[in-house]
Amino acid sequence: MDTKITSIFILSIIFQIMSEHISILLYIKNMLADLIYINGIIATELINVTENTATIRRGEEFLNKTSCPTEHHELNKKVIEILKKYQRKPEDTSVLANHVLKHLE
């Protein structure tokens, strides 16, 4: 009987430790998802700032002669794909996707 009680006690301690570890891992996972989202915002806005700076410096006609707008469009789409892969809910990325893709029209 003592062996059963000891086993149950040990198992309860193991489950408690596992529960704490799972909570920490979920917290870290959510934090990383938030950081990826913030980096996605920074990346897409930085692409727009770079394009706007080039337009101001060299003119819109010059920019339209280059492949930059097409490449920026592809880069922004790739950033949105990465964000969608790591976010908890699809609506987490919908606002940014709509905002970024609106700039690309």
PDB file of N, CA and C in Angstrom:
ATOM      1  N   MET A   1       0.811  -1.195   0.000  1.00  0.00           N
ATOM      2  CA  MET A   1       0.000   0.000   0.000  1.00  0.00           C
ATOM      3  C   MET A   1       0.853   1.257   0.000  1.00  0.00           C
ATOM      4  N   ASP A   2       1.944   1.251   0.750  1.00  0.00           N
ATOM      5  CA  ASP A   2       2.832   2.401   0.790  1.00  0.00           C
ATOM      6  C   ASP A   2       3.432   2.676  -0.580  1.00  0.00           C
ATOM      7  N   THR A   3       3.696   1.644  -1.338  1.00  0.00           N
ATOM      8  CA  THR A   3       4.270   1.805  -2.670  1.00  0.00           C
ATOM      9  C   THR A   3       3.297   2.537  -3.590  1.00  0.00           C
ATOM     10  N   LYS A   4       2.003   2.197  -3.488  1.00  0.00           N
ATOM     11  CA  LYS A   4       0.991   2.868  -4.303  1.00  0.00           C
ATOM     12  C   LYS A   4       0.881   4.341  -3.920  1.00  0.00           C
ATOM     13  N   ILE A   5       0.869   4.628  -2.653  1.00  0.00           N
ATOM     14  CA  ILE A   5       0.763   6.015  -2.184  1.00  0.00           C
ATOM     15  C   ILE A   5       1.991   6.807  -2.623  1.00  0.00           C
ATOM     16  N   THR A   6       3.161   6.214  -2.478  1.00  0.00           N
ATOM     17  CA  THR A   6       4.396   6.872  -2.896  1.00  0.00           C
ATOM     18  C   THR A   6       4.386   7.123  -4.401  1.00  0.00           C
ATOM     19  N   SER A   7       3.948   6.136  -5.163  1.00  0.00           N
ATOM     20  CA  SER A   7       3.878   6.275  -6.617  1.00  0.00           C
ATOM     21  C   SER A   7       2.915   7.377  -7.013  1.00  0.00           C
ATOM     22  N   ILE A   8       1.769   7.422  -6.388  1.00  0.00           N
ATOM     23  CA  ILE A   8       0.782   8.462  -6.671  1.00  0.00           C
ATOM     24  C   ILE A   8       1.339   9.828  -6.303  1.00  0.00           C
ATOM     25  N   PHE A   9       2.011   9.926  -5.180  1.00  0.00           N
ATOM     26  CA  PHE A   9       2.617  11.183  -4.746  1.00  0.00           C
ATOM     27  C   PHE A   9       3.671  11.656  -5.754  1.00  0.00           C
ATOM     28  N   ILE A  10       4.526  10.738  -6.182  1.00  0.00           N
ATOM     29  CA  ILE A  10       5.574  11.079  -7.154  1.00  0.00           C
ATOM     30  C   ILE A  10       4.953  11.507  -8.474  1.00  0.00           C
ATOM     31  N   LEU A  11       3.927  10.781  -8.916  1.00  0.00           N
ATOM     32  CA  LEU A  11       3.245  11.149 -10.152  1.00  0.00           C
ATOM     33  C   LEU A  11       2.599  12.524 -10.059  1.00  0.00           C
ATOM     34  N   SER A  12       2.007  12.838  -8.911  1.00  0.00           N
ATOM     35  CA  SER A  12       1.380  14.157  -8.758  1.00  0.00           C
ATOM     36  C   SER A  12       2.424  15.268  -8.821  1.00  0.00           C
ATOM     37  N   ILE A  13       3.596  15.028  -8.262  1.00  0.00           N
ATOM     38  CA  ILE A  13       4.672  16.021  -8.327  1.00  0.00           C
ATOM     39  C   ILE A  13       5.146  16.181  -9.775  1.00  0.00           C
ATOM     40  N   ILE A  14       5.310  15.061 -10.477  1.00  0.00           N
ATOM     41  CA  ILE A  14       5.737  15.109 -11.875  1.00  0.00           C
ATOM     42  C   ILE A  14       4.726  15.883 -12.712  1.00  0.00           C
ATOM     43  N   PHE A  15       3.440  15.617 -12.521  1.00  0.00           N
ATOM     44  CA  PHE A  15       2.404  16.332 -13.271  1.00  0.00           C
ATOM     45  C   PHE A  15       2.407  17.820 -12.953  1.00  0.00           C
ATOM     46  N   GLN A  16       2.642  18.159 -11.699  1.00  0.00           N
ATOM     47  CA  GLN A  16       2.701  19.568 -11.320  1.00  0.00           C
ATOM     48  C   GLN A  16       3.878  20.259 -12.015  1.00  0.00           C
ATOM     49  N   ILE A  17       5.033  19.621 -12.028  1.00  0.00           N
ATOM     50  CA  ILE A  17       6.214  20.180 -12.691  1.00  0.00           C
ATOM     51  C   ILE A  17       5.962  20.310 -14.195  1.00  0.00           C
ATOM     52  N   MET A  18       5.374  19.270 -14.787  1.00  0.00           N
ATOM     53  CA  MET A  18       5.077  19.314 -16.219  1.00  0.00           C
ATOM     54  C   MET A  18       4.090  20.430 -16.541  1.00  0.00           C
ATOM     55  N   SER A  19       3.118  20.614 -15.689  1.00  0.00           N
ATOM     56  CA  SER A  19       2.134  21.674 -15.887  1.00  0.00           C
ATOM     57  C   SER A  19       2.797  23.042 -15.874  1.00  0.00           C
ATOM     58  N   GLU A  20       3.715  23.249 -14.946  1.00  0.00           N
ATOM     59  CA  GLU A  20       4.436  24.523 -14.875  1.00  0.00           C
ATOM     60  C   GLU A  20       5.292  24.731 -16.124  1.00  0.00           C
ATOM     61  N   HIS A  21       5.942  23.671 -16.579  1.00  0.00           N
ATOM     62  CA  HIS A  21       6.764  23.778 -17.783  1.00  0.00           C
ATOM     63  C   HIS A  21       5.914  24.064 -19.016  1.00  0.00           C
ATOM     64  N   ILE A  22       4.777  23.429 -19.106  1.00  0.00           N
ATOM     65  CA  ILE A  22       3.882  23.664 -20.235  1.00  0.00           C
ATOM     66  C   ILE A  22       3.399  25.113 -20.227  1.00  0.00           C
ATOM     67  N   SER A  23       3.084  25.640 -19.069  1.00  0.00           N
ATOM     68  CA  SER A  23       2.658  27.041 -18.968  1.00  0.00           C
ATOM     69  C   SER A  23       3.752  27.985 -19.437  1.00  0.00           C
ATOM     70  N   ILE A  24       4.973  27.697 -19.028  1.00  0.00           N
ATOM     71  CA  ILE A  24       6.108  28.537 -19.442  1.00  0.00           C
ATOM     72  C   ILE A  24       6.311  28.440 -20.952  1.00  0.00           C
ATOM     73  N   LEU A  25       6.237  27.230 -21.496  1.00  0.00           N
ATOM     74  CA  LEU A  25       6.409  27.051 -22.935  1.00  0.00           C
ATOM     75  C   LEU A  25       5.317  27.769 -23.729  1.00  0.00           C
ATOM     76  N   LEU A  26       4.088  27.705 -23.261  1.00  0.00           N
ATOM     77  CA  LEU A  26       2.995  28.416 -23.940  1.00  0.00           C
ATOM     78  C   LEU A  26       3.203  29.922 -23.878  1.00  0.00           C
ATOM     79  N   TYR A  27       3.678  30.410 -22.746  1.00  0.00           N
ATOM     80  CA  TYR A  27       3.969  31.833 -22.602  1.00  0.00           C
ATOM     81  C   TYR A  27       5.046  32.256 -23.597  1.00  0.00           C
ATOM     82  N   ILE A  28       6.113  31.465 -23.691  1.00  0.00           N
ATOM     83  CA  ILE A  28       7.205  31.773 -24.615  1.00  0.00           C
ATOM     84  C   ILE A  28       6.720  31.701 -26.062  1.00  0.00           C
ATOM     85  N   LYS A  29       5.908  30.696 -26.382  1.00  0.00           N
ATOM     86  CA  LYS A  29       5.368  30.565 -27.735  1.00  0.00           C
ATOM     87  C   LYS A  29       4.540  31.795 -28.102  1.00  0.00           C
ATOM     88  N   ASN A  30       3.682  32.243 -27.199  1.00  0.00           N
ATOM     89  CA  ASN A  30       2.858  33.422 -27.460  1.00  0.00           C
ATOM     90  C   ASN A  30       3.711  34.681 -27.588  1.00  0.00           C
ATOM     91  N   MET A  31       4.737  34.774 -26.762  1.00  0.00           N
ATOM     92  CA  MET A  31       5.620  35.929 -26.827  1.00  0.00           C
ATOM     93  C   MET A  31       6.353  35.953 -28.169  1.00  0.00           C
ATOM     94  N   LEU A  32       6.828  34.800 -28.622  1.00  0.00           N
ATOM     95  CA  LEU A  32       7.509  34.730 -29.911  1.00  0.00           C
ATOM     96  C   LEU A  32       6.560  35.082 -31.059  1.00  0.00           C
ATOM     97  N   ALA A  33       5.324  34.626 -30.972  1.00  0.00           N
ATOM     98  CA  ALA A  33       4.334  34.974 -32.005  1.00  0.00           C
ATOM     99  C   ALA A  33       4.136  36.485 -32.051  1.00  0.00           C
ATOM    100  N   ASP A  34       4.070  37.126 -30.894  1.00  0.00           N
ATOM    101  CA  ASP A  34       3.927  38.588 -30.847  1.00  0.00           C
ATOM    102  C   ASP A  34       5.150  39.289 -31.426  1.00  0.00           C
ATOM    103  N   LEU A  35       6.334  38.793 -31.115  1.00  0.00           N
ATOM    104  CA  LEU A  35       7.561  39.391 -31.643  1.00  0.00           C
ATOM    105  C   LEU A  35       7.661  39.217 -33.157  1.00  0.00           C
ATOM    106  N   ILE A  36       7.239  38.069 -33.649  1.00  0.00           N
ATOM    107  CA  ILE A  36       7.225  37.851 -35.095  1.00  0.00           C
ATOM    108  C   ILE A  36       6.260  38.827 -35.754  1.00  0.00           C
ATOM    109  N   TYR A  37       5.118  39.046 -35.130  1.00  0.00           N
ATOM    110  CA  TYR A  37       4.130  39.987 -35.675  1.00  0.00           C
ATOM    111  C   TYR A  37       4.703  41.407 -35.712  1.00  0.00           C
ATOM    112  N   ILE A  38       5.311  41.823 -34.607  1.00  0.00           N
ATOM    113  CA  ILE A  38       5.907  43.165 -34.552  1.00  0.00           C
ATOM    114  C   ILE A  38       7.009  43.302 -35.601  1.00  0.00           C
ATOM    115  N   ASN A  39       7.843  42.276 -35.750  1.00  0.00           N
ATOM    116  CA  ASN A  39       8.892  42.318 -36.772  1.00  0.00           C
ATOM    117  C   ASN A  39       8.294  42.370 -38.171  1.00  0.00           C
ATOM    118  N   GLY A  40       7.165  41.713 -38.370  1.00  0.00           N
ATOM    119  CA  GLY A  40       6.488  41.772 -39.665  1.00  0.00           C
ATOM    120  C   GLY A  40       6.022  43.179 -39.980  1.00  0.00           C
ATOM    121  N   ILE A  41       5.484  43.857 -38.976  1.00  0.00           N
ATOM    122  CA  ILE A  41       5.068  45.252 -39.156  1.00  0.00           C
ATOM    123  C   ILE A  41       6.279  46.100 -39.531  1.00  0.00           C
ATOM    124  N   ILE A  42       7.355  45.934 -38.780  1.00  0.00           N
ATOM    125  CA  ILE A  42       8.575  46.712 -39.045  1.00  0.00           C
ATOM    126  C   ILE A  42       9.090  46.424 -40.454  1.00  0.00           C
ATOM    127  N   ALA A  43       9.120  45.161 -40.834  1.00  0.00           N
ATOM    128  CA  ALA A  43       9.647  44.789 -42.158  1.00  0.00           C
ATOM    129  C   ALA A  43       8.822  45.406 -43.280  1.00  0.00           C
ATOM    130  N   THR A  44       7.503  45.273 -43.207  1.00  0.00           N
ATOM    131  CA  THR A  44       6.670  45.794 -44.298  1.00  0.00           C
ATOM    132  C   THR A  44       6.713  47.315 -44.360  1.00  0.00           C
ATOM    133  N   GLU A  45       6.720  47.967 -43.214  1.00  0.00           N
ATOM    134  CA  GLU A  45       6.784  49.428 -43.216  1.00  0.00           C
ATOM    135  C   GLU A  45       8.151  49.917 -43.678  1.00  0.00           C
ATOM    136  N   LEU A  46       9.197  49.210 -43.327  1.00  0.00           N
ATOM    137  CA  LEU A  46      10.535  49.590 -43.766  1.00  0.00           C
ATOM    138  C   LEU A  46      10.671  49.474 -45.280  1.00  0.00           C
ATOM    139  N   ILE A  47      10.049  48.466 -45.857  1.00  0.00           N
ATOM    140  CA  ILE A  47      10.051  48.340 -47.319  1.00  0.00           C
ATOM    141  C   ILE A  47       9.369  49.562 -47.934  1.00  0.00           C
ATOM    142  N   ASN A  48       8.249  49.998 -47.348  1.00  0.00           N
ATOM    143  CA  ASN A  48       7.550  51.180 -47.860  1.00  0.00           C
ATOM    144  C   ASN A  48       8.378  52.447 -47.692  1.00  0.00           C
ATOM    145  N   VAL A  49       9.044  52.583 -46.561  1.00  0.00           N
ATOM    146  CA  VAL A  49       9.886  53.757 -46.324  1.00  0.00           C
ATOM    147  C   VAL A  49      11.026  53.798 -47.343  1.00  0.00           C
ATOM    148  N   THR A  50      11.631  52.648 -47.590  1.00  0.00           N
ATOM    149  CA  THR A  50      12.724  52.571 -48.566  1.00  0.00           C
ATOM    150  C   THR A  50      12.242  52.972 -49.950  1.00  0.00           C
ATOM    151  N   GLU A  51      11.099  52.463 -50.338  1.00  0.00           N
ATOM    152  CA  GLU A  51      10.550  52.796 -51.655  1.00  0.00           C
ATOM    153  C   GLU A  51      10.196  54.282 -51.738  1.00  0.00           C
ATOM    154  N   ASN A  52       9.590  54.806 -50.680  1.00  0.00           N
ATOM    155  CA  ASN A  52       9.241  56.228 -50.672  1.00  0.00           C
ATOM    156  C   ASN A  52      10.489  57.116 -50.731  1.00  0.00           C
ATOM    157  N   THR A  53      11.527  56.714 -50.025  1.00  0.00           N
ATOM    158  CA  THR A  53      12.777  57.477 -50.039  1.00  0.00           C
ATOM    159  C   THR A  53      13.394  57.465 -51.431  1.00  0.00           C
ATOM    160  N   ALA A  54      13.390  56.318 -52.081  1.00  0.00           N
ATOM    161  CA  ALA A  54      13.918  56.224 -53.442  1.00  0.00           C
ATOM    162  C   ALA A  54      13.109  57.086 -54.398  1.00  0.00           C
ATOM    163  N   THR A  55      11.801  57.120 -54.211  1.00  0.00           N
ATOM    164  CA  THR A  55      10.934  57.939 -55.055  1.00  0.00           C
ATOM    165  C   THR A  55      11.242  59.417 -54.864  1.00  0.00           C
ATOM    166  N   ILE A  56      11.411  59.830 -53.624  1.00  0.00           N
ATOM    167  CA  ILE A  56      11.724  61.237 -53.338  1.00  0.00           C
ATOM    168  C   ILE A  56      13.089  61.596 -53.930  1.00  0.00           C
ATOM    169  N   ARG A  57      14.043  60.710 -53.781  1.00  0.00           N
ATOM    170  CA  ARG A  57      15.421  60.990 -54.217  1.00  0.00           C
ATOM    171  C   ARG A  57      15.573  60.984 -55.733  1.00  0.00           C
ATOM    172  N   ARG A  58      14.956  59.986 -56.396  1.00  0.00           N
ATOM    173  CA  ARG A  58      15.210  59.822 -57.832  1.00  0.00           C
ATOM    174  C   ARG A  58      13.988  60.034 -58.712  1.00  0.00           C
ATOM    175  N   GLY A  59      12.843  60.166 -58.086  1.00  0.00           N
ATOM    176  CA  GLY A  59      11.633  60.389 -58.862  1.00  0.00           C
ATOM    177  C   GLY A  59      10.869  59.108 -59.137  1.00  0.00           C
ATOM    178  N   GLU A  60       9.585  59.277 -59.289  1.00  0.00           N
ATOM    179  CA  GLU A  60       8.712  58.118 -59.498  1.00  0.00           C
ATOM    180  C   GLU A  60       8.978  57.448 -60.836  1.00  0.00           C
ATOM    181  N   GLU A  61       9.336  58.235 -61.830  1.00  0.00           N
ATOM    182  CA  GLU A  61       9.627  57.675 -63.152  1.00  0.00           C
ATOM    183  C   GLU A  61      10.800  56.697 -63.088  1.00  0.00           C
ATOM    184  N   PHE A  62      11.845  57.062 -62.345  1.00  0.00           N
ATOM    185  CA  PHE A  62      12.991  56.177 -62.190  1.00  0.00           C
ATOM    186  C   PHE A  62      12.581  54.875 -61.501  1.00  0.00           C
ATOM    187  N   LEU A  63      11.806  55.014 -60.425  1.00  0.00           N
ATOM    188  CA  LEU A  63      11.382  53.835 -59.669  1.00  0.00           C
ATOM    189  C   LEU A  63      10.557  52.893 -60.533  1.00  0.00           C
ATOM    190  N   ASN A  64       9.701  53.453 -61.361  1.00  0.00           N
ATOM    191  CA  ASN A  64       8.846  52.621 -62.221  1.00  0.00           C
ATOM    192  C   ASN A  64       9.646  51.880 -63.287  1.00  0.00           C
ATOM    193  N   LYS A  65      10.840  52.369 -63.626  1.00  0.00           N
ATOM    194  CA  LYS A  65      11.688  51.698 -64.612  1.00  0.00           C
ATOM    195  C   LYS A  65      12.446  50.518 -64.007  1.00  0.00           C
ATOM    196  N   THR A  66      12.493  50.457 -62.685  1.00  0.00           N
ATOM    197  CA  THR A  66      13.228  49.380 -62.026  1.00  0.00           C
ATOM    198  C   THR A  66      12.285  48.231 -61.678  1.00  0.00           C
ATOM    199  N   SER A  67      12.870  47.151 -61.202  1.00  0.00           N
ATOM    200  CA  SER A  67      12.068  46.007 -60.762  1.00  0.00           C
ATOM    201  C   SER A  67      11.705  46.119 -59.279  1.00  0.00           C
ATOM    202  N   CYS A  68      12.093  47.224 -58.651  1.00  0.00           N
ATOM    203  CA  CYS A  68      11.882  47.379 -57.201  1.00  0.00           C
ATOM    204  C   CYS A  68      10.429  47.224 -56.761  1.00  0.00           C
ATOM    205  N   PRO A  69       9.472  47.917 -57.397  1.00  0.00           N
ATOM    206  CA  PRO A  69       8.085  47.767 -56.921  1.00  0.00           C
ATOM    207  C   PRO A  69       7.603  46.316 -56.944  1.00  0.00           C
ATOM    208  N   THR A  70       7.951  45.584 -57.994  1.00  0.00           N
ATOM    209  CA  THR A  70       7.556  44.175 -58.084  1.00  0.00           C
ATOM    210  C   THR A  70       8.234  43.357 -56.995  1.00  0.00           C
ATOM    211  N   GLU A  71       9.517  43.611 -56.793  1.00  0.00           N
ATOM    212  CA  GLU A  71      10.261  42.891 -55.759  1.00  0.00           C
ATOM    213  C   GLU A  71       9.726  43.227 -54.364  1.00  0.00           C
ATOM    214  N   HIS A  72       9.389  44.486 -54.137  1.00  0.00           N
ATOM    215  CA  HIS A  72       8.829  44.885 -52.841  1.00  0.00           C
ATOM    216  C   HIS A  72       7.490  44.201 -52.604  1.00  0.00           C
ATOM    217  N   HIS A  73       6.700  44.105 -53.660  1.00  0.00           N
ATOM    218  CA  HIS A  73       5.412  43.416 -53.566  1.00  0.00           C
ATOM    219  C   HIS A  73       5.628  41.956 -53.135  1.00  0.00           C
ATOM    220  N   GLU A  74       6.587  41.298 -53.769  1.00  0.00           N
ATOM    221  CA  GLU A  74       6.877  39.901 -53.429  1.00  0.00           C
ATOM    222  C   GLU A  74       7.421  39.775 -52.007  1.00  0.00           C
ATOM    223  N   LEU A  75       8.284  40.685 -51.610  1.00  0.00           N
ATOM    224  CA  LEU A  75       8.814  40.659 -50.238  1.00  0.00           C
ATOM    225  C   LEU A  75       7.702  40.845 -49.210  1.00  0.00           C
ATOM    226  N   ASN A  76       6.808  41.791 -49.464  1.00  0.00           N
ATOM    227  CA  ASN A  76       5.694  42.020 -48.538  1.00  0.00           C
ATOM    228  C   ASN A  76       4.788  40.796 -48.449  1.00  0.00           C
ATOM    229  N   LYS A  77       4.520  40.161 -49.586  1.00  0.00           N
ATOM    230  CA  LYS A  77       3.694  38.955 -49.570  1.00  0.00           C
ATOM    231  C   LYS A  77       4.367  37.849 -48.766  1.00  0.00           C
ATOM    232  N   LYS A  78       5.684  37.724 -48.898  1.00  0.00           N
ATOM    233  CA  LYS A  78       6.420  36.707 -48.149  1.00  0.00           C
ATOM    234  C   LYS A  78       6.365  36.992 -46.648  1.00  0.00           C
ATOM    235  N   VAL A  79       6.496  38.245 -46.257  1.00  0.00           N
ATOM    236  CA  VAL A  79       6.396  38.610 -44.834  1.00  0.00           C
ATOM    237  C   VAL A  79       5.022  38.225 -44.297  1.00  0.00           C
ATOM    238  N   ILE A  80       3.978  38.509 -45.046  1.00  0.00           N
ATOM    239  CA  ILE A  80       2.612  38.169 -44.615  1.00  0.00           C
ATOM    240  C   ILE A  80       2.468  36.649 -44.497  1.00  0.00           C
ATOM    241  N   GLU A  81       3.038  35.893 -45.428  1.00  0.00           N
ATOM    242  CA  GLU A  81       2.977  34.424 -45.347  1.00  0.00           C
ATOM    243  C   GLU A  81       3.653  33.920 -44.066  1.00  0.00           C
ATOM    244  N   ILE A  82       4.801  34.477 -43.756  1.00  0.00           N
ATOM    245  CA  ILE A  82       5.513  34.082 -42.532  1.00  0.00           C
ATOM    246  C   ILE A  82       4.673  34.410 -41.307  1.00  0.00           C
ATOM    247  N   LEU A  83       4.082  35.586 -41.302  1.00  0.00           N
ATOM    248  CA  LEU A  83       3.234  35.972 -40.160  1.00  0.00           C
ATOM    249  C   LEU A  83       2.064  35.011 -39.996  1.00  0.00           C
ATOM    250  N   LYS A  84       1.437  34.663 -41.083  1.00  0.00           N
ATOM    251  CA  LYS A  84       0.284  33.756 -41.006  1.00  0.00           C
ATOM    252  C   LYS A  84       0.682  32.395 -40.442  1.00  0.00           C
ATOM    253  N   LYS A  85       1.903  31.981 -40.738  1.00  0.00           N
ATOM    254  CA  LYS A  85       2.372  30.677 -40.278  1.00  0.00           C
ATOM    255  C   LYS A  85       2.507  30.628 -38.751  1.00  0.00           C
ATOM    256  N   TYR A  86       2.853  31.739 -38.123  1.00  0.00           N
ATOM    257  CA  TYR A  86       3.171  31.720 -36.697  1.00  0.00           C
ATOM    258  C   TYR A  86       2.151  32.402 -35.790  1.00  0.00           C
ATOM    259  N   GLN A  87       1.113  32.994 -36.336  1.00  0.00           N
ATOM    260  CA  GLN A  87       0.149  33.677 -35.487  1.00  0.00           C
ATOM    261  C   GLN A  87      -0.887  32.711 -34.930  1.00  0.00           C
ATOM    262  N   ARG A  88      -1.419  33.066 -33.763  1.00  0.00           N
ATOM    263  CA  ARG A  88      -2.384  32.197 -33.081  1.00  0.00           C
ATOM    264  C   ARG A  88      -3.715  32.134 -33.809  1.00  0.00           C
ATOM    265  N   LYS A  89      -4.147  33.282 -34.335  1.00  0.00           N
ATOM    266  CA  LYS A  89      -5.449  33.351 -35.007  1.00  0.00           C
ATOM    267  C   LYS A  89      -5.276  34.072 -36.341  1.00  0.00           C
ATOM    268  N   PRO A  90      -6.036  33.679 -37.356  1.00  0.00           N
ATOM    269  CA  PRO A  90      -5.918  34.344 -38.669  1.00  0.00           C
ATOM    270  C   PRO A  90      -6.188  35.846 -38.598  1.00  0.00           C
ATOM    271  N   GLU A  91      -7.105  36.248 -37.731  1.00  0.00           N
ATOM    272  CA  GLU A  91      -7.423  37.683 -37.660  1.00  0.00           C
ATOM    273  C   GLU A  91      -6.263  38.514 -37.111  1.00  0.00           C
ATOM    274  N   ASP A  92      -5.280  37.842 -36.491  1.00  0.00           N
ATOM    275  CA  ASP A  92      -4.112  38.568 -36.004  1.00  0.00           C
ATOM    276  C   ASP A  92      -3.344  39.220 -37.152  1.00  0.00           C
ATOM    277  N   THR A  93      -3.365  38.586 -38.319  1.00  0.00           N
ATOM    278  CA  THR A  93      -2.610  39.122 -39.448  1.00  0.00           C
ATOM    279  C   THR A  93      -3.478  39.841 -40.472  1.00  0.00           C
ATOM    280  N   SER A  94      -4.786  39.748 -40.360  1.00  0.00           N
ATOM    281  CA  SER A  94      -5.655  40.308 -41.401  1.00  0.00           C
ATOM    282  C   SER A  94      -5.527  41.822 -41.521  1.00  0.00           C
ATOM    283  N   VAL A  95      -5.406  42.537 -40.409  1.00  0.00           N
ATOM    284  CA  VAL A  95      -5.302  44.002 -40.464  1.00  0.00           C
ATOM    285  C   VAL A  95      -4.017  44.400 -41.181  1.00  0.00           C
ATOM    286  N   LEU A  96      -2.910  43.779 -40.797  1.00  0.00           N
ATOM    287  CA  LEU A  96      -1.641  44.109 -41.439  1.00  0.00           C
ATOM    288  C   LEU A  96      -1.649  43.689 -42.909  1.00  0.00           C
ATOM    289  N   ALA A  97      -2.165  42.519 -43.198  1.00  0.00           N
ATOM    290  CA  ALA A  97      -2.212  42.056 -44.590  1.00  0.00           C
ATOM    291  C   ALA A  97      -3.029  43.023 -45.445  1.00  0.00           C
ATOM    292  N   ASN A  98      -4.190  43.442 -44.955  1.00  0.00           N
ATOM    293  CA  ASN A  98      -5.017  44.390 -45.700  1.00  0.00           C
ATOM    294  C   ASN A  98      -4.296  45.720 -45.886  1.00  0.00           C
ATOM    295  N   HIS A  99      -3.633  46.183 -44.855  1.00  0.00           N
ATOM    296  CA  HIS A  99      -2.912  47.461 -44.916  1.00  0.00           C
ATOM    297  C   HIS A  99      -1.778  47.389 -45.936  1.00  0.00           C
ATOM    298  N   VAL A 100      -0.980  46.349 -45.845  1.00  0.00           N
ATOM    299  CA  VAL A 100       0.196  46.217 -46.723  1.00  0.00           C
ATOM    300  C   VAL A 100      -0.237  45.980 -48.158  1.00  0.00           C
ATOM    301  N   LEU A 101      -1.172  45.071 -48.358  1.00  0.00           N
ATOM    302  CA  LEU A 101      -1.588  44.762 -49.718  1.00  0.00           C
ATOM    303  C   LEU A 101      -2.319  45.936 -50.365  1.00  0.00           C
ATOM    304  N   LYS A 102      -2.945  46.782 -49.561  1.00  0.00           N
ATOM    305  CA  LYS A 102      -3.590  48.000 -50.086  1.00  0.00           C
ATOM    306  C   LYS A 102      -2.535  48.925 -50.691  1.00  0.00           C
ATOM    307  N   HIS A 103      -1.361  49.004 -50.068  1.00  0.00           N
ATOM    308  CA  HIS A 103      -0.284  49.842 -50.590  1.00  0.00           C
ATOM    309  C   HIS A 103       0.231  49.312 -51.928  1.00  0.00           C
ATOM    310  N   LEU A 104       0.038  48.040 -52.162  1.00  0.00           N
ATOM    311  CA  LEU A 104       0.601  47.418 -53.356  1.00  0.00           C
ATOM    312  C   LEU A 104      -0.298  47.548 -54.580  1.00  0.00           C
ATOM    313  N   GLU A 105      -1.503  48.052 -54.385  1.00  0.00           N
ATOM    314  CA  GLU A 105      -2.440  48.185 -55.531  1.00  0.00           C
ATOM    315  C   GLU A 105      -2.132  49.417 -56.342  1.00  0.00           C
TER     316      GLU A 105
END
